[in-house]
Amino acid sequence: MAFWAYVLQCSDGRYYTGHTDDLDRRMSEHAHGGHCDFTSRRLPVTLMWSKTLPTRIEALEAEMQIKRWSKAKKEALFRGDWAMVSHYARPPAERPLLSDGTGQH
């Protein structure tokens, strides 16, 4: 059995991170509201990222890790920009300057 960690973008621009054992079913539940108070008040939702994982524990761990990430780091993940994911993994004071002269993006 496979499991997924996933991130949705809600209509207000906020992100919802979760995990499931059936991504299609869970997306349908989010899209129709009623199964999750957070997303049901922010419809429509868009799947921004998902990853298949072999166990529920790994999917839950991925969910919990991503929930702690900044918006900028999540958006780097969506783009597949691993250099920026790594950049945002560092504390702000330790981030190298970017081409615009800041440590921010």
PDB file of N, CA and C in Angstrom:
ATOM      1  N   MET A   1       0.842  -1.182   0.000  1.00  0.00           N
ATOM      2  CA  MET A   1       0.000   0.000   0.000  1.00  0.00           C
ATOM      3  C   MET A   1       0.886   1.243   0.000  1.00  0.00           C
ATOM      4  N   ALA A   2       0.507   2.234  -0.776  1.00  0.00           N
ATOM      5  CA  ALA A   2       1.256   3.487  -0.845  1.00  0.00           C
ATOM      6  C   ALA A   2       0.551   4.562  -0.019  1.00  0.00           C
ATOM      7  N   PHE A   3       1.323   5.547   0.360  1.00  0.00           N
ATOM      8  CA  PHE A   3       0.816   6.696   1.104  1.00  0.00           C
ATOM      9  C   PHE A   3       1.369   7.953   0.445  1.00  0.00           C
ATOM     10  N   TRP A   4       0.707   9.063   0.678  1.00  0.00           N
ATOM     11  CA  TRP A   4       1.130  10.319   0.087  1.00  0.00           C
ATOM     12  C   TRP A   4       1.200  11.411   1.144  1.00  0.00           C
ATOM     13  N   ALA A   5       2.188  12.276   1.002  1.00  0.00           N
ATOM     14  CA  ALA A   5       2.206  13.578   1.664  1.00  0.00           C
ATOM     15  C   ALA A   5       1.840  14.558   0.555  1.00  0.00           C
ATOM     16  N   TYR A   6       1.086  15.596   0.892  1.00  0.00           N
ATOM     17  CA  TYR A   6       0.643  16.525  -0.151  1.00  0.00           C
ATOM     18  C   TYR A   6       0.466  17.927   0.417  1.00  0.00           C
ATOM     19  N   VAL A   7       0.488  18.903  -0.502  1.00  0.00           N
ATOM     20  CA  VAL A   7       0.249  20.296  -0.135  1.00  0.00           C
ATOM     21  C   VAL A   7      -0.770  20.864  -1.117  1.00  0.00           C
ATOM     22  N   LEU A   8      -1.804  21.492  -0.578  1.00  0.00           N
ATOM     23  CA  LEU A   8      -2.825  22.168  -1.372  1.00  0.00           C
ATOM     24  C   LEU A   8      -2.669  23.672  -1.217  1.00  0.00           C
ATOM     25  N   GLN A   9      -2.995  24.400  -2.272  1.00  0.00           N
ATOM     26  CA  GLN A   9      -3.117  25.852  -2.151  1.00  0.00           C
ATOM     27  C   GLN A   9      -4.606  26.159  -2.122  1.00  0.00           C
ATOM     28  N   CYS A  10      -5.017  26.918  -1.119  1.00  0.00           N
ATOM     29  CA  CYS A  10      -6.416  27.297  -0.966  1.00  0.00           C
ATOM     30  C   CYS A  10      -6.695  28.592  -1.721  1.00  0.00           C
ATOM     31  N   SER A  11      -7.969  28.910  -1.871  1.00  0.00           N
ATOM     32  CA  SER A  11      -8.370  30.090  -2.639  1.00  0.00           C
ATOM     33  C   SER A  11      -7.835  31.386  -2.054  1.00  0.00           C
ATOM     34  N   ASP A  12      -7.526  31.405  -0.758  1.00  0.00           N
ATOM     35  CA  ASP A  12      -6.985  32.617  -0.141  1.00  0.00           C
ATOM     36  C   ASP A  12      -5.451  32.659  -0.177  1.00  0.00           C
ATOM     37  N   GLY A  13      -4.828  31.693  -0.878  1.00  0.00           N
ATOM     38  CA  GLY A  13      -3.375  31.664  -1.005  1.00  0.00           C
ATOM     39  C   GLY A  13      -2.660  30.900   0.089  1.00  0.00           C
ATOM     40  N   ARG A  14      -3.389  30.486   1.112  1.00  0.00           N
ATOM     41  CA  ARG A  14      -2.767  29.722   2.197  1.00  0.00           C
ATOM     42  C   ARG A  14      -2.575  28.280   1.758  1.00  0.00           C
ATOM     43  N   TYR A  15      -1.659  27.596   2.447  1.00  0.00           N
ATOM     44  CA  TYR A  15      -1.349  26.214   2.127  1.00  0.00           C
ATOM     45  C   TYR A  15      -1.864  25.275   3.205  1.00  0.00           C
ATOM     46  N   TYR A  16      -2.343  24.116   2.756  1.00  0.00           N
ATOM     47  CA  TYR A  16      -2.771  23.043   3.643  1.00  0.00           C
ATOM     48  C   TYR A  16      -1.890  21.845   3.341  1.00  0.00           C
ATOM     49  N   THR A  17      -1.281  21.268   4.360  1.00  0.00           N
ATOM     50  CA  THR A  17      -0.409  20.106   4.206  1.00  0.00           C
ATOM     51  C   THR A  17      -1.046  18.919   4.904  1.00  0.00           C
ATOM     52  N   GLY A  18      -1.057  17.771   4.231  1.00  0.00           N
ATOM     53  CA  GLY A  18      -1.651  16.578   4.819  1.00  0.00           C
ATOM     54  C   GLY A  18      -0.994  15.313   4.322  1.00  0.00           C
ATOM     55  N   HIS A  19      -1.539  14.185   4.752  1.00  0.00           N
ATOM     56  CA  HIS A  19      -1.108  12.887   4.245  1.00  0.00           C
ATOM     57  C   HIS A  19      -2.328  11.982   4.144  1.00  0.00           C
ATOM     58  N   THR A  20      -2.221  10.963   3.294  1.00  0.00           N
ATOM     59  CA  THR A  20      -3.363  10.092   3.034  1.00  0.00           C
ATOM     60  C   THR A  20      -2.893   8.764   2.472  1.00  0.00           C
ATOM     61  N   ASP A  21      -3.806   7.790   2.478  1.00  0.00           N
ATOM     62  CA  ASP A  21      -3.522   6.517   1.815  1.00  0.00           C
ATOM     63  C   ASP A  21      -4.242   6.415   0.471  1.00  0.00           C
ATOM     64  N   ASP A  22      -4.988   7.476   0.097  1.00  0.00           N
ATOM     65  CA  ASP A  22      -5.704   7.497  -1.188  1.00  0.00           C
ATOM     66  C   ASP A  22      -5.798   8.948  -1.644  1.00  0.00           C
ATOM     67  N   LEU A  23      -4.854   9.378  -2.460  1.00  0.00           N
ATOM     68  CA  LEU A  23      -4.780  10.788  -2.841  1.00  0.00           C
ATOM     69  C   LEU A  23      -6.001  11.226  -3.646  1.00  0.00           C
ATOM     70  N   ASP A  24      -6.470  10.398  -4.579  1.00  0.00           N
ATOM     71  CA  ASP A  24      -7.650  10.777  -5.375  1.00  0.00           C
ATOM     72  C   ASP A  24      -8.873  10.986  -4.488  1.00  0.00           C
ATOM     73  N   ARG A  25      -9.108  10.050  -3.570  1.00  0.00           N
ATOM     74  CA  ARG A  25     -10.254  10.186  -2.655  1.00  0.00           C
ATOM     75  C   ARG A  25     -10.120  11.429  -1.801  1.00  0.00           C
ATOM     76  N   ARG A  26      -8.921  11.648  -1.262  1.00  0.00           N
ATOM     77  CA  ARG A  26      -8.714  12.787  -0.366  1.00  0.00           C
ATOM     78  C   ARG A  26      -8.872  14.103  -1.117  1.00  0.00           C
ATOM     79  N   MET A  27      -8.396  14.165  -2.352  1.00  0.00           N
ATOM     80  CA  MET A  27      -8.583  15.381  -3.147  1.00  0.00           C
ATOM     81  C   MET A  27     -10.062  15.645  -3.394  1.00  0.00           C
ATOM     82  N   SER A  28     -10.822  14.601  -3.665  1.00  0.00           N
ATOM     83  CA  SER A  28     -12.266  14.742  -3.863  1.00  0.00           C
ATOM     84  C   SER A  28     -12.927  15.254  -2.587  1.00  0.00           C
ATOM     85  N   GLU A  29     -12.521  14.716  -1.442  1.00  0.00           N
ATOM     86  CA  GLU A  29     -13.073  15.175  -0.167  1.00  0.00           C
ATOM     87  C   GLU A  29     -12.768  16.651   0.057  1.00  0.00           C
ATOM     88  N   HIS A  30     -11.536  17.059  -0.209  1.00  0.00           N
ATOM     89  CA  HIS A  30     -11.189  18.477  -0.058  1.00  0.00           C
ATOM     90  C   HIS A  30     -11.996  19.341  -1.031  1.00  0.00           C
ATOM     91  N   ALA A  31     -12.131  18.893  -2.256  1.00  0.00           N
ATOM     92  CA  ALA A  31     -12.815  19.689  -3.290  1.00  0.00           C
ATOM     93  C   ALA A  31     -14.292  19.891  -2.985  1.00  0.00           C
ATOM     94  N   HIS A  32     -14.906  18.931  -2.304  1.00  0.00           N
ATOM     95  CA  HIS A  32     -16.332  19.021  -2.025  1.00  0.00           C
ATOM     96  C   HIS A  32     -16.652  19.531  -0.632  1.00  0.00           C
ATOM     97  N   GLY A  33     -15.627  19.795   0.160  1.00  0.00           N
ATOM     98  CA  GLY A  33     -15.825  20.346   1.493  1.00  0.00           C
ATOM     99  C   GLY A  33     -16.429  19.353   2.461  1.00  0.00           C
ATOM    100  N   GLY A  34     -16.490  19.764   3.729  1.00  0.00           N
ATOM    101  CA  GLY A  34     -17.134  18.948   4.742  1.00  0.00           C
ATOM    102  C   GLY A  34     -16.232  17.975   5.473  1.00  0.00           C
ATOM    103  N   HIS A  35     -15.091  17.615   4.895  1.00  0.00           N
ATOM    104  CA  HIS A  35     -14.193  16.657   5.548  1.00  0.00           C
ATOM    105  C   HIS A  35     -13.031  17.341   6.256  1.00  0.00           C
ATOM    106  N   CYS A  36     -12.824  18.598   5.950  1.00  0.00           N
ATOM    107  CA  CYS A  36     -11.723  19.347   6.556  1.00  0.00           C
ATOM    108  C   CYS A  36     -12.177  20.791   6.691  1.00  0.00           C
ATOM    109  N   ASP A  37     -12.316  21.238   7.919  1.00  0.00           N
ATOM    110  CA  ASP A  37     -12.814  22.590   8.165  1.00  0.00           C
ATOM    111  C   ASP A  37     -11.932  23.650   7.521  1.00  0.00           C
ATOM    112  N   PHE A  38     -10.608  23.474   7.598  1.00  0.00           N
ATOM    113  CA  PHE A  38      -9.689  24.478   7.057  1.00  0.00           C
ATOM    114  C   PHE A  38      -9.907  24.671   5.560  1.00  0.00           C
ATOM    115  N   THR A  39      -9.914  23.587   4.793  1.00  0.00           N
ATOM    116  CA  THR A  39     -10.055  23.739   3.339  1.00  0.00           C
ATOM    117  C   THR A  39     -11.495  23.995   2.914  1.00  0.00           C
ATOM    118  N   SER A  40     -12.471  23.499   3.652  1.00  0.00           N
ATOM    119  CA  SER A  40     -13.864  23.697   3.235  1.00  0.00           C
ATOM    120  C   SER A  40     -14.265  25.168   3.264  1.00  0.00           C
ATOM    121  N   ARG A  41     -13.563  25.971   4.068  1.00  0.00           N
ATOM    122  CA  ARG A  41     -13.831  27.417   4.111  1.00  0.00           C
ATOM    123  C   ARG A  41     -12.970  28.190   3.121  1.00  0.00           C
ATOM    124  N   ARG A  42     -12.135  27.479   2.346  1.00  0.00           N
ATOM    125  CA  ARG A  42     -11.190  28.149   1.446  1.00  0.00           C
ATOM    126  C   ARG A  42     -11.198  27.505   0.057  1.00  0.00           C
ATOM    127  N   LEU A  43     -12.357  27.091  -0.395  1.00  0.00           N
ATOM    128  CA  LEU A  43     -12.474  26.458  -1.713  1.00  0.00           C
ATOM    129  C   LEU A  43     -12.429  27.503  -2.808  1.00  0.00           C
ATOM    130  N   PRO A  44     -11.944  27.152  -3.983  1.00  0.00           N
ATOM    131  CA  PRO A  44     -11.410  25.849  -4.365  1.00  0.00           C
ATOM    132  C   PRO A  44      -9.965  25.673  -3.900  1.00  0.00           C
ATOM    133  N   VAL A  45      -9.513  24.440  -3.916  1.00  0.00           N
ATOM    134  CA  VAL A  45      -8.135  24.117  -3.559  1.00  0.00           C
ATOM    135  C   VAL A  45      -7.442  23.520  -4.782  1.00  0.00           C
ATOM    136  N   THR A  46      -6.129  23.687  -4.831  1.00  0.00           N
ATOM    137  CA  THR A  46      -5.317  23.176  -5.935  1.00  0.00           C
ATOM    138  C   THR A  46      -4.178  22.348  -5.364  1.00  0.00           C
ATOM    139  N   LEU A  47      -3.977  21.171  -5.913  1.00  0.00           N
ATOM    140  CA  LEU A  47      -2.856  20.338  -5.490  1.00  0.00           C
ATOM    141  C   LEU A  47      -1.573  20.946  -6.051  1.00  0.00           C
ATOM    142  N   MET A  48      -0.670  21.329  -5.143  1.00  0.00           N
ATOM    143  CA  MET A  48       0.586  21.954  -5.539  1.00  0.00           C
ATOM    144  C   MET A  48       1.735  20.957  -5.574  1.00  0.00           C
ATOM    145  N   TRP A  49       1.677  19.950  -4.703  1.00  0.00           N
ATOM    146  CA  TRP A  49       2.786  19.004  -4.585  1.00  0.00           C
ATOM    147  C   TRP A  49       2.286  17.750  -3.903  1.00  0.00           C
ATOM    148  N   SER A  50       2.821  16.621  -4.316  1.00  0.00           N
ATOM    149  CA  SER A  50       2.574  15.366  -3.594  1.00  0.00           C
ATOM    150  C   SER A  50       3.771  14.457  -3.792  1.00  0.00           C
ATOM    151  N   LYS A  51       3.942  13.558  -2.839  1.00  0.00           N
ATOM    152  CA  LYS A  51       5.017  12.587  -2.910  1.00  0.00           C
ATOM    153  C   LYS A  51       4.501  11.260  -2.386  1.00  0.00           C
ATOM    154  N   THR A  52       4.759  10.200  -3.126  1.00  0.00           N
ATOM    155  CA  THR A  52       4.389   8.854  -2.704  1.00  0.00           C
ATOM    156  C   THR A  52       5.458   8.331  -1.755  1.00  0.00           C
ATOM    157  N   LEU A  53       5.008   7.757  -0.655  1.00  0.00           N
ATOM    158  CA  LEU A  53       5.916   7.203   0.358  1.00  0.00           C
ATOM    159  C   LEU A  53       5.458   5.803   0.722  1.00  0.00           C
ATOM    160  N   PRO A  54       6.394   4.946   1.145  1.00  0.00           N
ATOM    161  CA  PRO A  54       6.036   3.542   1.377  1.00  0.00           C
ATOM    162  C   PRO A  54       5.246   3.259   2.652  1.00  0.00           C
ATOM    163  N   THR A  55       5.318   4.147   3.654  1.00  0.00           N
ATOM    164  CA  THR A  55       4.603   3.878   4.903  1.00  0.00           C
ATOM    165  C   THR A  55       3.848   5.111   5.370  1.00  0.00           C
ATOM    166  N   ARG A  56       2.816   4.876   6.176  1.00  0.00           N
ATOM    167  CA  ARG A  56       2.056   5.995   6.739  1.00  0.00           C
ATOM    168  C   ARG A  56       2.949   6.850   7.638  1.00  0.00           C
ATOM    169  N   ILE A  57       3.837   6.216   8.374  1.00  0.00           N
ATOM    170  CA  ILE A  57       4.726   6.968   9.265  1.00  0.00           C
ATOM    171  C   ILE A  57       5.593   7.930   8.464  1.00  0.00           C
ATOM    172  N   GLU A  58       6.142   7.484   7.334  1.00  0.00           N
ATOM    173  CA  GLU A  58       6.964   8.372   6.499  1.00  0.00           C
ATOM    174  C   GLU A  58       6.125   9.504   5.911  1.00  0.00           C
ATOM    175  N   ALA A  59       4.892   9.212   5.520  1.00  0.00           N
ATOM    176  CA  ALA A  59       4.012  10.256   4.994  1.00  0.00           C
ATOM    177  C   ALA A  59       3.686  11.283   6.079  1.00  0.00           C
ATOM    178  N   LEU A  60       3.396  10.815   7.287  1.00  0.00           N
ATOM    179  CA  LEU A  60       3.117  11.712   8.405  1.00  0.00           C
ATOM    180  C   LEU A  60       4.354  12.545   8.746  1.00  0.00           C
ATOM    181  N   GLU A  61       5.529  11.926   8.741  1.00  0.00           N
ATOM    182  CA  GLU A  61       6.762  12.671   9.029  1.00  0.00           C
ATOM    183  C   GLU A  61       7.000  13.753   7.983  1.00  0.00           C
ATOM    184  N   ALA A  62       6.757  13.428   6.710  1.00  0.00           N
ATOM    185  CA  ALA A  62       6.910  14.434   5.645  1.00  0.00           C
ATOM    186  C   ALA A  62       5.918  15.574   5.851  1.00  0.00           C
ATOM    187  N   GLU A  63       4.674  15.232   6.175  1.00  0.00           N
ATOM    188  CA  GLU A  63       3.653  16.251   6.448  1.00  0.00           C
ATOM    189  C   GLU A  63       4.106  17.176   7.575  1.00  0.00           C
ATOM    190  N   MET A  64       4.534  16.609   8.673  1.00  0.00           N
ATOM    191  CA  MET A  64       4.927  17.415   9.834  1.00  0.00           C
ATOM    192  C   MET A  64       6.143  18.284   9.512  1.00  0.00           C
ATOM    193  N   GLN A  65       7.081  17.758   8.745  1.00  0.00           N
ATOM    194  CA  GLN A  65       8.255  18.542   8.362  1.00  0.00           C
ATOM    195  C   GLN A  65       7.848  19.731   7.498  1.00  0.00           C
ATOM    196  N   ILE A  66       7.046  19.484   6.478  1.00  0.00           N
ATOM    197  CA  ILE A  66       6.654  20.552   5.551  1.00  0.00           C
ATOM    198  C   ILE A  66       5.793  21.595   6.252  1.00  0.00           C
ATOM    199  N   LYS A  67       4.968  21.199   7.201  1.00  0.00           N
ATOM    200  CA  LYS A  67       4.145  22.168   7.941  1.00  0.00           C
ATOM    201  C   LYS A  67       4.997  23.208   8.656  1.00  0.00           C
ATOM    202  N   ARG A  68       6.226  22.845   9.023  1.00  0.00           N
ATOM    203  CA  ARG A  68       7.108  23.784   9.722  1.00  0.00           C
ATOM    204  C   ARG A  68       7.844  24.724   8.761  1.00  0.00           C
ATOM    205  N   TRP A  69       7.763  24.480   7.475  1.00  0.00           N
ATOM    206  CA  TRP A  69       8.498  25.282   6.502  1.00  0.00           C
ATOM    207  C   TRP A  69       7.825  26.618   6.251  1.00  0.00           C
ATOM    208  N   SER A  70       8.628  27.585   5.872  1.00  0.00           N
ATOM    209  CA  SER A  70       8.110  28.898   5.477  1.00  0.00           C
ATOM    210  C   SER A  70       7.376  28.783   4.142  1.00  0.00           C
ATOM    211  N   LYS A  71       6.596  29.793   3.839  1.00  0.00           N
ATOM    212  CA  LYS A  71       5.895  29.838   2.554  1.00  0.00           C
ATOM    213  C   LYS A  71       6.894  29.821   1.407  1.00  0.00           C
ATOM    214  N   ALA A  72       7.977  30.568   1.532  1.00  0.00           N
ATOM    215  CA  ALA A  72       8.994  30.631   0.478  1.00  0.00           C
ATOM    216  C   ALA A  72       9.633  29.269   0.251  1.00  0.00           C
ATOM    217  N   LYS A  73       9.899  28.543   1.316  1.00  0.00           N
ATOM    218  CA  LYS A  73      10.517  27.224   1.185  1.00  0.00           C
ATOM    219  C   LYS A  73       9.542  26.242   0.520  1.00  0.00           C
ATOM    220  N   LYS A  74       8.259  26.306   0.890  1.00  0.00           N
ATOM    221  CA  LYS A  74       7.261  25.452   0.249  1.00  0.00           C
ATOM    222  C   LYS A  74       7.165  25.765  -1.237  1.00  0.00           C
ATOM    223  N   GLU A  75       7.194  27.030  -1.588  1.00  0.00           N
ATOM    224  CA  GLU A  75       7.085  27.412  -2.996  1.00  0.00           C
ATOM    225  C   GLU A  75       8.315  26.965  -3.783  1.00  0.00           C
ATOM    226  N   ALA A  76       9.485  26.948  -3.152  1.00  0.00           N
ATOM    227  CA  ALA A  76      10.684  26.409  -3.800  1.00  0.00           C
ATOM    228  C   ALA A  76      10.499  24.906  -4.053  1.00  0.00           C
ATOM    229  N   LEU A  77       9.902  24.195  -3.090  1.00  0.00           N
ATOM    230  CA  LEU A  77       9.604  22.774  -3.259  1.00  0.00           C
ATOM    231  C   LEU A  77       8.683  22.566  -4.456  1.00  0.00           C
ATOM    232  N   PHE A  78       7.640  23.364  -4.574  1.00  0.00           N
ATOM    233  CA  PHE A  78       6.688  23.226  -5.682  1.00  0.00           C
ATOM    234  C   PHE A  78       7.387  23.393  -7.026  1.00  0.00           C
ATOM    235  N   ARG A  79       8.350  24.313  -7.087  1.00  0.00           N
ATOM    236  CA  ARG A  79       9.094  24.567  -8.326  1.00  0.00           C
ATOM    237  C   ARG A  79      10.168  23.524  -8.579  1.00  0.00           C
ATOM    238  N   GLY A  80      10.447  22.685  -7.575  1.00  0.00           N
ATOM    239  CA  GLY A  80      11.543  21.730  -7.695  1.00  0.00           C
ATOM    240  C   GLY A  80      12.894  22.414  -7.627  1.00  0.00           C
ATOM    241  N   ASP A  81      12.939  23.568  -6.983  1.00  0.00           N
ATOM    242  CA  ASP A  81      14.168  24.365  -6.871  1.00  0.00           C
ATOM    243  C   ASP A  81      14.904  23.948  -5.599  1.00  0.00           C
ATOM    244  N   TRP A  82      15.693  22.880  -5.706  1.00  0.00           N
ATOM    245  CA  TRP A  82      16.344  22.305  -4.538  1.00  0.00           C
ATOM    246  C   TRP A  82      17.395  23.230  -3.954  1.00  0.00           C
ATOM    247  N   ALA A  83      17.995  24.077  -4.780  1.00  0.00           N
ATOM    248  CA  ALA A  83      18.972  25.039  -4.251  1.00  0.00           C
ATOM    249  C   ALA A  83      18.280  26.004  -3.289  1.00  0.00           C
ATOM    250  N   MET A  84      17.068  26.449  -3.628  1.00  0.00           N
ATOM    251  CA  MET A  84      16.350  27.375  -2.750  1.00  0.00           C
ATOM    252  C   MET A  84      15.760  26.650  -1.538  1.00  0.00           C
ATOM    253  N   VAL A  85      15.350  25.397  -1.691  1.00  0.00           N
ATOM    254  CA  VAL A  85      14.897  24.623  -0.524  1.00  0.00           C
ATOM    255  C   VAL A  85      16.048  24.553   0.480  1.00  0.00           C
ATOM    256  N   SER A  86      17.238  24.264  -0.022  1.00  0.00           N
ATOM    257  CA  SER A  86      18.423  24.204   0.836  1.00  0.00           C
ATOM    258  C   SER A  86      18.730  25.568   1.445  1.00  0.00           C
ATOM    259  N   HIS A  87      18.595  26.617   0.635  1.00  0.00           N
ATOM    260  CA  HIS A  87      18.828  27.989   1.107  1.00  0.00           C
ATOM    261  C   HIS A  87      17.915  28.306   2.294  1.00  0.00           C
ATOM    262  N   TYR A  88      16.622  28.007   2.151  1.00  0.00           N
ATOM    263  CA  TYR A  88      15.663  28.319   3.217  1.00  0.00           C
ATOM    264  C   TYR A  88      15.750  27.356   4.399  1.00  0.00           C
ATOM    265  N   ALA A  89      16.511  26.269   4.262  1.00  0.00           N
ATOM    266  CA  ALA A  89      16.716  25.353   5.380  1.00  0.00           C
ATOM    267  C   ALA A  89      17.670  25.947   6.414  1.00  0.00           C
ATOM    268  N   ARG A  90      18.441  26.917   6.000  1.00  0.00           N
ATOM    269  CA  ARG A  90      19.390  27.557   6.913  1.00  0.00           C
ATOM    270  C   ARG A  90      18.694  28.670   7.696  1.00  0.00           C
ATOM    271  N   PRO A  91      19.163  28.940   8.911  1.00  0.00           N
ATOM    272  CA  PRO A  91      18.633  30.089   9.648  1.00  0.00           C
ATOM    273  C   PRO A  91      18.892  31.372   8.847  1.00  0.00           C
ATOM    274  N   PRO A  92      17.995  32.348   8.899  1.00  0.00           N
ATOM    275  CA  PRO A  92      18.159  33.565   8.095  1.00  0.00           C
ATOM    276  C   PRO A  92      19.540  34.210   8.211  1.00  0.00           C
ATOM    277  N   ALA A  93      20.112  34.245   9.387  1.00  0.00           N
ATOM    278  CA  ALA A  93      21.416  34.899   9.558  1.00  0.00           C
ATOM    279  C   ALA A  93      22.543  34.139   8.862  1.00  0.00           C
ATOM    280  N   GLU A  94      22.327  32.871   8.547  1.00  0.00           N
ATOM    281  CA  GLU A  94      23.362  32.046   7.926  1.00  0.00           C
ATOM    282  C   GLU A  94      23.163  31.848   6.429  1.00  0.00           C
ATOM    283  N   ARG A  95      22.125  32.454   5.864  1.00  0.00           N
ATOM    284  CA  ARG A  95      21.862  32.283   4.443  1.00  0.00           C
ATOM    285  C   ARG A  95      22.819  33.145   3.625  1.00  0.00           C
ATOM    286  N   PRO A  96      23.383  32.573   2.554  1.00  0.00           N
ATOM    287  CA  PRO A  96      24.234  33.387   1.686  1.00  0.00           C
ATOM    288  C   PRO A  96      23.387  34.432   0.960  1.00  0.00           C
ATOM    289  N   LEU A  97      24.020  35.506   0.571  1.00  0.00           N
ATOM    290  CA  LEU A  97      23.312  36.545  -0.174  1.00  0.00           C
ATOM    291  C   LEU A  97      22.877  36.012  -1.533  1.00  0.00           C
ATOM    292  N   LEU A  98      21.685  36.401  -1.951  1.00  0.00           N
ATOM    293  CA  LEU A  98      21.190  36.045  -3.274  1.00  0.00           C
ATOM    294  C   LEU A  98      21.638  37.104  -4.273  1.00  0.00           C
ATOM    295  N   SER A  99      21.366  36.869  -5.518  1.00  0.00           N
ATOM    296  CA  SER A  99      21.815  37.791  -6.567  1.00  0.00           C
ATOM    297  C   SER A  99      21.241  39.191  -6.412  1.00  0.00           C
ATOM    298  N   ASP A 100      20.123  39.328  -5.689  1.00  0.00           N
ATOM    299  CA  ASP A 100      19.552  40.663  -5.473  1.00  0.00           C
ATOM    300  C   ASP A 100      20.181  41.360  -4.271  1.00  0.00           C
ATOM    301  N   GLY A 101      21.193  40.718  -3.647  1.00  0.00           N
ATOM    302  CA  GLY A 101      21.912  41.335  -2.543  1.00  0.00           C
ATOM    303  C   GLY A 101      21.302  41.081  -1.180  1.00  0.00           C
ATOM    304  N   THR A 102      20.297  40.227  -1.119  1.00  0.00           N
ATOM    305  CA  THR A 102      19.661  39.920   0.158  1.00  0.00           C
ATOM    306  C   THR A 102      19.820  38.450   0.475  1.00  0.00           C
ATOM    307  N   GLY A 103      19.505  38.087   1.681  1.00  0.00           N
ATOM    308  CA  GLY A 103      19.460  36.680   2.065  1.00  0.00           C
ATOM    309  C   GLY A 103      18.064  36.118   1.892  1.00  0.00           C
ATOM    310  N   GLN A 104      17.166  36.946   1.409  1.00  0.00           N
ATOM    311  CA  GLN A 104      15.771  36.555   1.207  1.00  0.00           C
ATOM    312  C   GLN A 104      15.532  36.313  -0.273  1.00  0.00           C
ATOM    313  N   HIS A 105      14.372  35.799  -0.589  1.00  0.00           N
ATOM    314  CA  HIS A 105      13.997  35.565  -1.988  1.00  0.00           C
ATOM    315  C   HIS A 105      12.810  36.435  -2.317  1.00  0.00           C
TER     316      HIS A 105
END
